[in-house]
Amino acid sequence: METKKTFTLDSDNICNAFQKTIDWIQETQLSITSKKGKAYIKLPFIIALVIAILVPFALIIGIIFALAFGINITFERYRKKETSVQNKEIKSY
């Protein structure tokens, strides 16, 4: 039995993809900690990404330090709590 999956590319799908990507970037932080748990740096992901693009040498040095000194580099994602609004039917009399 074959299953067929189709994907329609339209403006809603493209906008949703960009929105999900932007939300992911805003909700993610870069955290640099020691193995004992001492936090050295906490940056929003977008700032860490800009630093990595503008100064790629700093990214390489950071990776070398992480390997040499046992530093943990983690990406932490903090989701914002969404408030759900229930649609109520308005009756007119």
Protein backbone atom coordinates (compact mmCIF):
# COMPACT_ATOMS: atom_id res chain seq x y z
CA MET A 1 0.00 0.00 0.00
CA GLU A 2 1.43 3.33 -1.05
CA THR A 3 0.88 6.55 0.75
CA LYS A 4 1.08 9.82 -1.01
CA LYS A 5 2.07 12.98 0.81
CA THR A 6 1.61 16.31 -0.82
CA PHE A 7 2.88 19.67 0.31
CA THR A 8 1.46 22.88 -1.01
CA LEU A 9 3.80 25.83 -1.01
CA ASP A 10 1.86 29.00 -0.47
CA SER A 11 2.26 32.25 1.40
CA ASP A 12 0.78 30.87 4.64
CA ASN A 13 3.28 27.99 4.77
CA ILE A 14 6.20 30.30 4.05
CA CYS A 15 5.11 32.84 6.68
CA ASN A 16 4.60 30.09 9.27
CA ALA A 17 8.06 28.66 8.59
CA PHE A 18 9.71 32.06 9.02
CA GLN A 19 7.67 32.75 12.16
CA LYS A 20 8.65 29.41 13.73
CA THR A 21 12.31 30.05 12.92
CA ILE A 22 12.20 33.53 14.44
CA ASP A 23 10.42 32.21 17.54
CA TRP A 24 13.05 29.47 17.93
CA ILE A 25 15.87 32.01 17.69
CA GLN A 26 14.22 34.31 20.25
CA GLU A 27 13.56 31.47 22.71
CA THR A 28 17.09 30.01 22.61
CA GLN A 29 20.05 31.07 24.74
CA LEU A 30 23.71 30.08 24.59
CA SER A 31 25.12 29.13 27.96
CA ILE A 32 28.80 28.53 28.73
CA THR A 33 29.36 26.76 32.06
CA SER A 34 32.06 24.81 33.84
CA LYS A 35 31.65 21.13 34.62
CA LYS A 36 30.96 22.11 38.23
CA GLY A 37 28.00 24.23 37.13
CA LYS A 38 29.48 27.72 37.38
CA ALA A 39 27.95 29.88 34.66
CA TYR A 40 30.42 32.03 32.74
CA ILE A 41 28.30 33.51 29.97
CA LYS A 42 24.62 33.48 29.04
CA LEU A 43 23.75 35.12 25.75
CA PRO A 44 20.67 35.19 23.58
CA PHE A 45 21.25 32.96 20.56
CA ILE A 46 20.93 35.83 18.08
CA ILE A 47 23.82 37.71 19.73
CA ALA A 48 25.98 34.58 19.80
CA LEU A 49 25.18 34.00 16.12
CA VAL A 50 26.13 37.57 15.18
CA ILE A 51 29.42 37.26 17.10
CA ALA A 52 30.18 33.94 15.37
CA ILE A 53 29.52 35.48 11.95
CA LEU A 54 31.41 38.72 12.53
CA VAL A 55 34.34 37.19 14.44
CA PRO A 56 34.74 33.55 13.34
CA PHE A 57 38.16 33.46 15.02
CA ALA A 58 36.43 33.89 18.41
CA LEU A 59 34.24 30.87 17.63
CA ILE A 60 37.28 28.71 16.92
CA ILE A 61 39.06 29.91 20.10
CA GLY A 62 35.90 29.20 22.11
CA ILE A 63 35.70 25.64 20.81
CA ILE A 64 39.39 25.06 21.60
CA PHE A 65 38.90 26.37 25.16
CA ALA A 66 35.84 24.18 25.59
CA LEU A 67 37.78 21.08 24.57
CA ALA A 68 40.91 21.96 26.52
CA PHE A 69 39.39 23.07 29.82
CA GLY A 70 36.21 21.00 29.98
CA ILE A 71 33.77 23.85 29.45
CA ASN A 72 30.19 23.02 28.51
CA ILE A 73 28.50 24.95 25.74
CA THR A 74 24.75 24.42 25.76
CA PHE A 75 21.78 25.79 23.93
CA GLU A 76 18.86 26.33 26.27
CA ARG A 77 15.39 26.94 24.98
CA TYR A 78 12.88 28.82 27.09
CA ARG A 79 9.38 28.62 25.73
CA LYS A 80 7.08 31.47 26.43
CA LYS A 81 3.82 30.44 27.97
CA GLU A 82 1.06 30.82 25.49
CA THR A 83 -2.26 32.05 26.68
CA SER A 84 -5.05 30.34 24.90
CA VAL A 85 -8.09 32.31 24.01
CA GLN A 86 -11.19 30.28 23.63
CA ASN A 87 -13.51 31.36 20.88
CA LYS A 88 -16.96 31.87 22.25
CA GLU A 89 -19.96 32.07 20.05
CA ILE A 90 -21.71 35.39 20.36
CA LYS A 91 -25.42 35.12 20.09
CA SER A 92 -27.45 38.05 19.00
CA TYR A 93 -31.04 38.27 20.12
